[in-house]
Amino acid sequence: MEQRRLGRTDLSVSLLSVGGLYTSSLAGGEEETARIMRRAVDYGINAIDTAPAYADSEATVGRAIRGLDAPLVVTTKLGGRPQPFDARDKNALRASVEESLRLLGRETIDVLMVHEPDRPQQYPWWTSYDPLEGPALELIDELKAAGTIRFAGLAGTTVTELTSLVESDRFDVVLTAFNYNALFREARDTVIPAAVERDMGVALASVLGQGFLTKRADDELAAKPVWLAEDRRRQFLAYYQLLDESGIGPAELCLRFAVGDPDVTTIPIGCKTVEHLDAAVAAVEKGPLPADVRARLDEIAALVPRRPYEEPMILPFGKDYFGPGIANMGSAVQVGRLDQQKE
């Protein structure tokens, strides 16, 4: 597995990494997570990203990696714990980090990210934006000085707001989700260039759109659901035509698109099974897309250069959705939290 430098951290991480949302009870639980991590190590994958908000992922991952005879770069996050969550309670944030260390079985966290730092109505992290200030930053500085964490990062799902936080130059890594993939390119315009300018590592999450880029919805496109903008509908029709003509499967196409960007350091894959991991590795090993397929894909992406205002972050194909509601209800963080509440 190809290794890339994680920006100014100088850590070397595998191009594919394990995303922790489904290395939890949301998918195969402890047994499957242990299989995934063993297979990942065999492939030369050396990084995993998890979070307190991903159900019981930290505990599941912690048990899976104990005893693995391989150095791992482990990323987790601040956000969502303890409940009720107060993003400005430094003592509670410190306790969350201590709990992460306990669950993961680690003495040090390689990268501690601030989760959803760009959605102040969800988590009001910052007491000032210029300069950027808040208890979370104070804690990060203290944890770095103590050696409890090595580096700090941002993990967000917006473009303009996340770019502004990257430009504060207070962080070493940025994880951007849902805004740079085969069809959506907004983060490539500002988030990634701002990170590269500051020598930050770039993690590219949700390259499969949590399924909406890989599960075809031909019947829904024909039915024209009320939430689907006409430009987006035409874009997906063209995307499906490209898949048919190229003979490349959607997951493979999305992954090979992502690995073709040299500014992307690592791509966390939310695999639910070992077979998902096997397929992702096989796709990546084929290398970037053929030039003609990439050129056509770029044309298709350009059909919708900016996300329609009413469109949710995760396109709701196959769901009963009729229009905008609470903005954060579609996020991966909220999905994990709601599943926790159901248990």
Protein backbone atom coordinates (compact mmCIF):
# COMPACT_ATOMS: atom_id res chain seq x y z
CA MET A 1 0.00 0.00 0.00
CA GLU A 2 1.35 3.40 -1.02
CA GLN A 3 2.38 5.65 1.88
CA ARG A 4 2.06 9.44 1.84
CA ARG A 5 3.40 12.14 4.13
CA LEU A 6 0.69 13.54 6.44
CA GLY A 7 1.66 17.16 5.97
CA ARG A 8 3.78 18.85 8.61
CA THR A 9 3.23 16.00 11.05
CA ASP A 10 5.80 14.06 8.99
CA LEU A 11 3.87 10.92 9.82
CA SER A 12 3.75 8.42 6.98
CA VAL A 13 0.25 7.05 6.44
CA SER A 14 -1.25 4.61 3.98
CA LEU A 15 -3.21 6.01 1.05
CA LEU A 16 -6.20 3.99 2.23
CA SER A 17 -7.06 4.06 5.91
CA VAL A 18 -9.86 2.58 7.97
CA GLY A 19 -12.80 4.88 8.76
CA GLY A 20 -14.29 4.08 12.14
CA LEU A 21 -18.02 4.75 11.78
CA TYR A 22 -18.75 1.12 10.87
CA THR A 23 -16.00 -0.54 12.87
CA SER A 24 -18.60 -0.60 15.60
CA SER A 25 -21.94 -2.11 16.51
CA LEU A 26 -23.41 -0.13 13.60
CA ALA A 27 -22.05 -2.93 11.39
CA GLY A 28 -20.19 -6.16 12.22
CA GLY A 29 -19.16 -5.33 15.77
CA GLU A 30 -16.07 -6.67 17.50
CA GLU A 31 -15.55 -9.87 15.52
CA GLU A 32 -15.71 -8.25 12.08
CA THR A 33 -13.71 -5.22 13.21
CA ALA A 34 -10.93 -7.53 14.41
CA ARG A 35 -10.93 -9.25 11.00
CA ILE A 36 -10.88 -5.90 9.20
CA MET A 37 -7.95 -4.61 11.21
CA ARG A 38 -5.91 -7.79 10.76
CA ARG A 39 -6.49 -7.71 7.02
CA ALA A 40 -5.73 -3.97 6.90
CA VAL A 41 -2.35 -4.57 8.53
CA ASP A 42 -1.64 -7.35 6.03
CA TYR A 43 -2.28 -4.86 3.22
CA GLY A 44 0.08 -2.30 4.74
CA ILE A 45 -2.75 -0.01 5.92
CA ASN A 46 -1.44 1.72 9.02
CA ALA A 47 -4.06 4.34 9.94
CA ILE A 48 -7.53 4.33 11.47
CA ASP A 49 -9.88 7.22 12.21
CA THR A 50 -12.58 6.95 14.85
CA ALA A 51 -14.61 9.23 17.13
CA PRO A 52 -16.69 9.21 20.33
CA ALA A 53 -19.74 10.05 18.21
CA TYR A 54 -19.38 6.87 16.12
CA ALA A 55 -21.46 4.69 18.43
CA ASP A 56 -19.08 2.31 20.27
CA SER A 57 -16.32 2.52 17.64
CA GLU A 58 -13.52 3.56 20.01
CA ALA A 59 -14.11 0.58 22.29
CA THR A 60 -14.53 -1.82 19.38
CA VAL A 61 -11.41 -0.56 17.62
CA GLY A 62 -9.44 -0.58 20.86
CA ARG A 63 -10.15 -4.25 21.39
CA ALA A 64 -9.42 -5.04 17.73
CA ILE A 65 -5.97 -3.43 17.65
CA ARG A 66 -4.70 -4.78 20.95
CA GLY A 67 -2.08 -7.36 20.20
CA LEU A 68 -1.59 -6.30 16.59
CA ASP A 69 2.11 -6.35 15.90
CA ALA A 70 2.18 -3.27 13.70
CA PRO A 71 2.60 0.46 14.30
CA LEU A 72 -0.69 2.30 13.76
CA VAL A 73 -1.54 5.97 13.37
CA VAL A 74 -4.73 6.41 15.40
CA THR A 75 -6.99 9.42 15.00
CA THR A 76 -9.95 10.23 17.21
CA LYS A 77 -11.95 13.32 18.00
CA LEU A 78 -13.44 15.76 20.45
CA GLY A 79 -17.20 16.05 20.18
CA GLY A 80 -20.40 14.46 21.42
CA ARG A 81 -19.12 13.14 24.76
CA PRO A 82 -20.08 13.40 27.54
CA GLN A 83 -23.80 14.02 27.18
CA PRO A 84 -25.22 16.60 27.46
CA PHE A 85 -22.30 17.90 25.44
CA ASP A 86 -20.80 21.31 26.10
CA ALA A 87 -18.15 22.22 23.54
CA ARG A 88 -16.72 24.86 25.89
CA ASP A 89 -16.37 22.74 29.03
CA LYS A 90 -12.62 22.13 29.07
CA ASN A 91 -12.75 19.71 31.98
CA ALA A 92 -15.35 17.58 30.20
CA LEU A 93 -13.30 17.69 26.99
CA ARG A 94 -10.24 16.55 28.90
CA ALA A 95 -12.23 13.71 30.42
CA SER A 96 -13.34 12.70 26.93
CA VAL A 97 -9.72 12.47 25.78
CA GLU A 98 -8.86 10.35 28.80
CA GLU A 99 -11.78 8.08 27.98
CA SER A 100 -10.59 7.81 24.36
CA LEU A 101 -7.14 6.74 25.56
CA ARG A 102 -8.70 4.14 27.85
CA LEU A 103 -11.03 2.71 25.23
CA LEU A 104 -8.36 2.62 22.54
CA GLY A 105 -5.75 1.17 24.86
CA ARG A 106 -3.26 3.88 23.91
CA GLU A 107 -0.94 6.12 25.87
CA THR A 108 -0.91 8.75 23.13
CA ILE A 109 -3.34 9.86 20.44
CA ASP A 110 -1.54 10.55 17.17
CA VAL A 111 -4.06 13.11 15.87
CA LEU A 112 -6.91 14.57 17.92
CA MET A 113 -9.46 16.26 15.70
CA VAL A 114 -12.22 18.70 16.55
CA HIS A 115 -15.42 17.12 15.22
CA GLU A 116 -17.82 19.33 13.27
CA PRO A 117 -15.84 22.50 14.10
CA ASP A 118 -17.53 24.32 11.24
CA ARG A 119 -21.17 24.03 12.39
CA PRO A 120 -21.52 26.45 15.32
CA GLN A 121 -25.23 25.75 15.76
CA GLN A 122 -24.36 22.12 16.34
CA TYR A 123 -21.20 22.48 18.43
CA PRO A 124 -20.33 26.08 19.44
CA TRP A 125 -16.60 25.43 19.84
CA TRP A 126 -15.21 28.91 19.36
CA THR A 127 -15.37 31.97 21.60
CA SER A 128 -13.65 34.05 18.92
CA TYR A 129 -13.01 33.54 15.21
CA ASP A 130 -10.44 36.29 14.70
CA PRO A 131 -8.21 35.24 16.27
CA LEU A 132 -9.55 31.70 16.61
CA GLU A 133 -9.99 30.94 20.30
CA GLY A 134 -11.88 28.57 22.56
CA PRO A 135 -11.41 26.08 25.39
CA ALA A 136 -10.84 23.25 22.91
CA LEU A 137 -7.79 25.03 21.52
CA GLU A 138 -6.48 25.70 25.02
CA LEU A 139 -6.86 22.02 25.85
CA ILE A 140 -5.18 20.93 22.62
CA ASP A 141 -2.15 23.09 23.42
CA GLU A 142 -1.97 21.61 26.92
CA LEU A 143 -2.32 18.04 25.65
CA LYS A 144 0.40 18.59 23.06
CA ALA A 145 2.75 20.01 25.68
CA ALA A 146 2.09 17.01 27.92
CA GLY A 147 2.64 14.52 25.10
CA THR A 148 -0.91 13.16 25.42
CA ILE A 149 -1.59 13.97 21.77
CA ARG A 150 0.93 14.47 19.01
CA PHE A 151 -1.02 16.58 16.54
CA ALA A 152 -4.36 18.36 16.12
CA GLY A 153 -6.88 18.39 13.33
CA LEU A 154 -10.25 19.49 11.99
CA ALA A 155 -12.97 17.12 10.77
CA GLY A 156 -15.75 18.98 9.00
CA THR A 157 -18.46 18.83 6.39
CA THR A 158 -18.74 22.38 5.04
CA VAL A 159 -16.60 24.36 2.60
CA THR A 160 -16.50 28.09 3.35
CA GLU A 161 -16.53 27.69 7.13
CA LEU A 162 -14.00 24.86 7.16
CA THR A 163 -11.68 26.82 4.87
CA SER A 164 -11.72 29.70 7.35
CA LEU A 165 -10.71 27.35 10.17
CA VAL A 166 -7.91 25.86 8.07
CA GLU A 167 -6.65 29.39 7.44
CA SER A 168 -6.25 29.95 11.19
CA ASP A 169 -3.13 27.76 10.85
CA ARG A 170 -3.76 26.23 14.28
CA PHE A 171 -4.12 22.66 13.06
CA ASP A 172 -1.95 19.99 11.44
CA VAL A 173 -4.53 17.89 9.59
CA VAL A 174 -7.92 18.47 7.98
CA LEU A 175 -10.53 15.82 7.23
CA THR A 176 -13.09 16.99 4.69
CA ALA A 177 -16.23 14.95 4.07
CA PHE A 178 -18.97 15.04 1.40
CA ASN A 179 -17.47 17.97 -0.53
CA TYR A 180 -14.82 16.33 -2.71
CA ASN A 181 -15.63 13.17 -4.60
CA ALA A 182 -16.42 11.96 -8.09
CA LEU A 183 -19.30 14.42 -8.51
CA PHE A 184 -18.84 17.08 -5.80
CA ARG A 185 -15.74 19.28 -6.09
CA GLU A 186 -16.28 22.31 -3.84
CA ALA A 187 -13.63 21.44 -1.25
CA ARG A 188 -11.05 21.23 -4.04
CA ASP A 189 -11.53 24.93 -4.73
CA THR A 190 -10.69 26.25 -1.26
CA VAL A 191 -10.35 23.72 1.60
CA ILE A 192 -7.62 21.59 0.05
CA PRO A 193 -5.55 24.46 -1.41
CA ALA A 194 -5.66 26.27 1.94
CA ALA A 195 -4.48 23.10 3.68
CA VAL A 196 -1.70 22.46 1.18
CA GLU A 197 -0.50 26.06 1.52
CA ARG A 198 -0.07 25.44 5.26
CA ASP A 199 1.45 21.98 4.82
CA MET A 200 -1.48 20.26 6.51
CA GLY A 201 -2.30 16.62 5.95
CA VAL A 202 -5.54 16.05 4.03
CA ALA A 203 -7.88 13.16 4.80
CA LEU A 204 -10.63 12.69 2.22
CA ALA A 205 -13.69 11.10 3.81
CA SER A 206 -16.98 9.84 2.36
CA VAL A 207 -15.62 9.38 -1.16
CA LEU A 208 -18.51 6.96 -1.76
CA GLY A 209 -21.03 9.46 -0.38
CA GLN A 210 -22.03 6.92 2.28
CA GLY A 211 -23.63 4.97 -0.52
CA PHE A 212 -25.38 7.49 -2.73
CA LEU A 213 -22.57 7.35 -5.29
CA THR A 214 -22.46 3.55 -5.40
CA LYS A 215 -26.10 2.42 -5.17
CA ARG A 216 -27.96 3.24 -8.36
CA ALA A 217 -31.30 5.02 -8.11
CA ASP A 218 -32.54 4.88 -11.71
CA ASP A 219 -36.20 4.51 -10.73
CA GLU A 220 -36.04 7.50 -8.38
CA LEU A 221 -34.40 9.65 -11.02
CA ALA A 222 -37.24 8.77 -13.38
CA ALA A 223 -39.81 9.56 -10.67
CA LYS A 224 -38.23 12.99 -9.96
CA PRO A 225 -38.55 13.20 -6.15
CA VAL A 226 -39.41 16.67 -4.85
CA TRP A 227 -36.01 17.21 -3.17
CA LEU A 228 -33.94 16.47 -6.28
CA ALA A 229 -32.84 19.51 -8.29
CA GLU A 230 -33.15 19.06 -12.05
CA ASP A 231 -29.45 19.79 -12.62
CA ARG A 232 -28.54 17.11 -10.09
CA ARG A 233 -30.92 14.65 -11.74
CA ARG A 234 -29.31 15.23 -15.15
CA GLN A 235 -25.89 14.88 -13.55
CA PHE A 236 -26.70 11.47 -12.09
CA LEU A 237 -28.15 10.27 -15.38
CA ALA A 238 -24.86 11.22 -17.06
CA TYR A 239 -22.90 9.58 -14.25
CA TYR A 240 -24.78 6.31 -14.65
CA GLN A 241 -24.23 6.45 -18.41
CA LEU A 242 -20.47 6.83 -17.80
CA LEU A 243 -20.51 3.83 -15.49
CA ASP A 244 -22.27 1.77 -18.15
CA GLU A 245 -19.98 2.87 -20.98
CA SER A 246 -16.71 2.58 -19.04
CA GLY A 247 -17.51 -0.78 -17.45
CA ILE A 248 -16.01 0.49 -14.19
CA GLY A 249 -18.04 -0.19 -11.05
CA PRO A 250 -19.14 2.86 -9.04
CA ALA A 251 -17.06 2.14 -5.92
CA GLU A 252 -13.96 1.53 -8.03
CA LEU A 253 -14.56 4.69 -10.06
CA CYS A 254 -14.96 6.81 -6.92
CA LEU A 255 -11.83 5.42 -5.30
CA ARG A 256 -9.68 5.69 -8.41
CA PHE A 257 -10.84 9.28 -8.81
CA ALA A 258 -9.73 10.07 -5.26
CA VAL A 259 -6.30 8.43 -5.43
CA GLY A 260 -5.49 10.49 -8.49
CA ASP A 261 -5.13 13.67 -6.43
CA PRO A 262 -1.58 13.98 -5.05
CA ASP A 263 -2.72 16.53 -2.43
CA VAL A 264 -4.89 13.90 -0.72
CA THR A 265 -2.90 12.13 1.98
CA THR A 266 -5.26 9.37 3.03
CA ILE A 267 -8.76 8.13 2.24
CA PRO A 268 -10.65 6.66 5.21
CA ILE A 269 -12.91 3.85 4.02
CA GLY A 270 -15.97 3.02 6.11
CA CYS A 271 -15.86 -0.70 5.40
CA LYS A 272 -18.46 -2.84 7.11
CA THR A 273 -16.83 -6.15 6.17
CA VAL A 274 -13.45 -7.57 5.20
CA GLU A 275 -14.84 -8.01 1.70
CA HIS A 276 -15.49 -4.26 1.47
CA LEU A 277 -11.87 -3.66 2.43
CA ASP A 278 -10.63 -6.21 -0.13
CA ALA A 279 -12.62 -4.50 -2.89
CA ALA A 280 -11.34 -1.05 -1.93
CA VAL A 281 -7.73 -2.19 -1.96
CA ALA A 282 -8.19 -3.93 -5.32
CA ALA A 283 -9.63 -0.72 -6.78
CA VAL A 284 -6.85 1.48 -5.45
CA GLU A 285 -4.18 -0.88 -6.75
CA LYS A 286 -5.43 -0.20 -10.30
CA GLY A 287 -4.30 3.40 -9.93
CA PRO A 288 -5.97 6.62 -11.10
CA LEU A 289 -8.75 6.58 -13.68
CA PRO A 290 -7.92 6.41 -17.38
CA ALA A 291 -7.54 9.92 -18.80
CA ASP A 292 -10.65 9.73 -20.99
CA VAL A 293 -12.85 8.52 -18.14
CA ARG A 294 -11.48 11.20 -15.80
CA ALA A 295 -12.08 13.92 -18.41
CA ARG A 296 -15.69 12.85 -18.89
CA LEU A 297 -16.20 12.61 -15.12
CA ASP A 298 -14.90 16.17 -14.73
CA GLU A 299 -17.42 17.35 -17.31
CA ILE A 300 -20.22 15.62 -15.42
CA ALA A 301 -19.09 17.11 -12.10
CA ALA A 302 -19.12 20.57 -13.70
CA LEU A 303 -22.85 20.22 -14.43
CA VAL A 304 -23.49 21.08 -10.76
CA PRO A 305 -20.51 23.15 -9.59
CA ARG A 306 -22.18 24.16 -6.32
CA ARG A 307 -24.52 22.15 -4.09
CA PRO A 308 -28.16 23.29 -4.36
CA TYR A 309 -29.20 25.09 -1.17
CA GLU A 310 -32.05 22.71 -0.35
CA GLU A 311 -30.00 19.56 -0.88
CA PRO A 312 -29.00 17.54 2.22
CA MET A 313 -25.39 16.57 2.86
CA ILE A 314 -26.08 12.87 2.26
CA LEU A 315 -28.36 12.52 -0.78
CA PRO A 316 -31.48 10.70 0.46
CA PHE A 317 -32.01 8.21 -2.34
CA GLY A 318 -34.22 5.42 -1.06
CA LYS A 319 -35.49 7.46 1.87
CA ASP A 320 -38.74 9.27 2.63
CA TYR A 321 -37.42 12.80 2.33
CA PHE A 322 -39.41 15.80 1.15
CA GLY A 323 -37.24 18.78 1.97
CA PRO A 324 -34.93 20.54 4.43
CA GLY A 325 -35.24 20.05 8.17
CA ILE A 326 -32.70 20.44 10.97
CA ALA A 327 -29.41 20.92 9.13
CA ASN A 328 -27.29 18.60 11.25
CA MET A 329 -29.67 15.62 11.15
CA GLY A 330 -27.95 14.23 8.07
CA SER A 331 -24.42 14.20 9.43
CA ALA A 332 -22.47 11.07 10.18
CA VAL A 333 -22.11 12.31 13.75
CA GLN A 334 -25.86 12.53 14.20
CA VAL A 335 -26.41 9.16 12.52
CA GLY A 336 -24.09 7.54 15.04
CA ARG A 337 -25.71 9.36 17.94
CA LEU A 338 -29.23 8.38 16.91
CA ASP A 339 -28.21 4.76 16.60
CA GLN A 340 -26.72 4.91 20.08
CA GLN A 341 -30.00 6.25 21.42
CA LYS A 342 -31.89 3.35 19.86
CA GLU A 343 -29.84 0.74 21.73
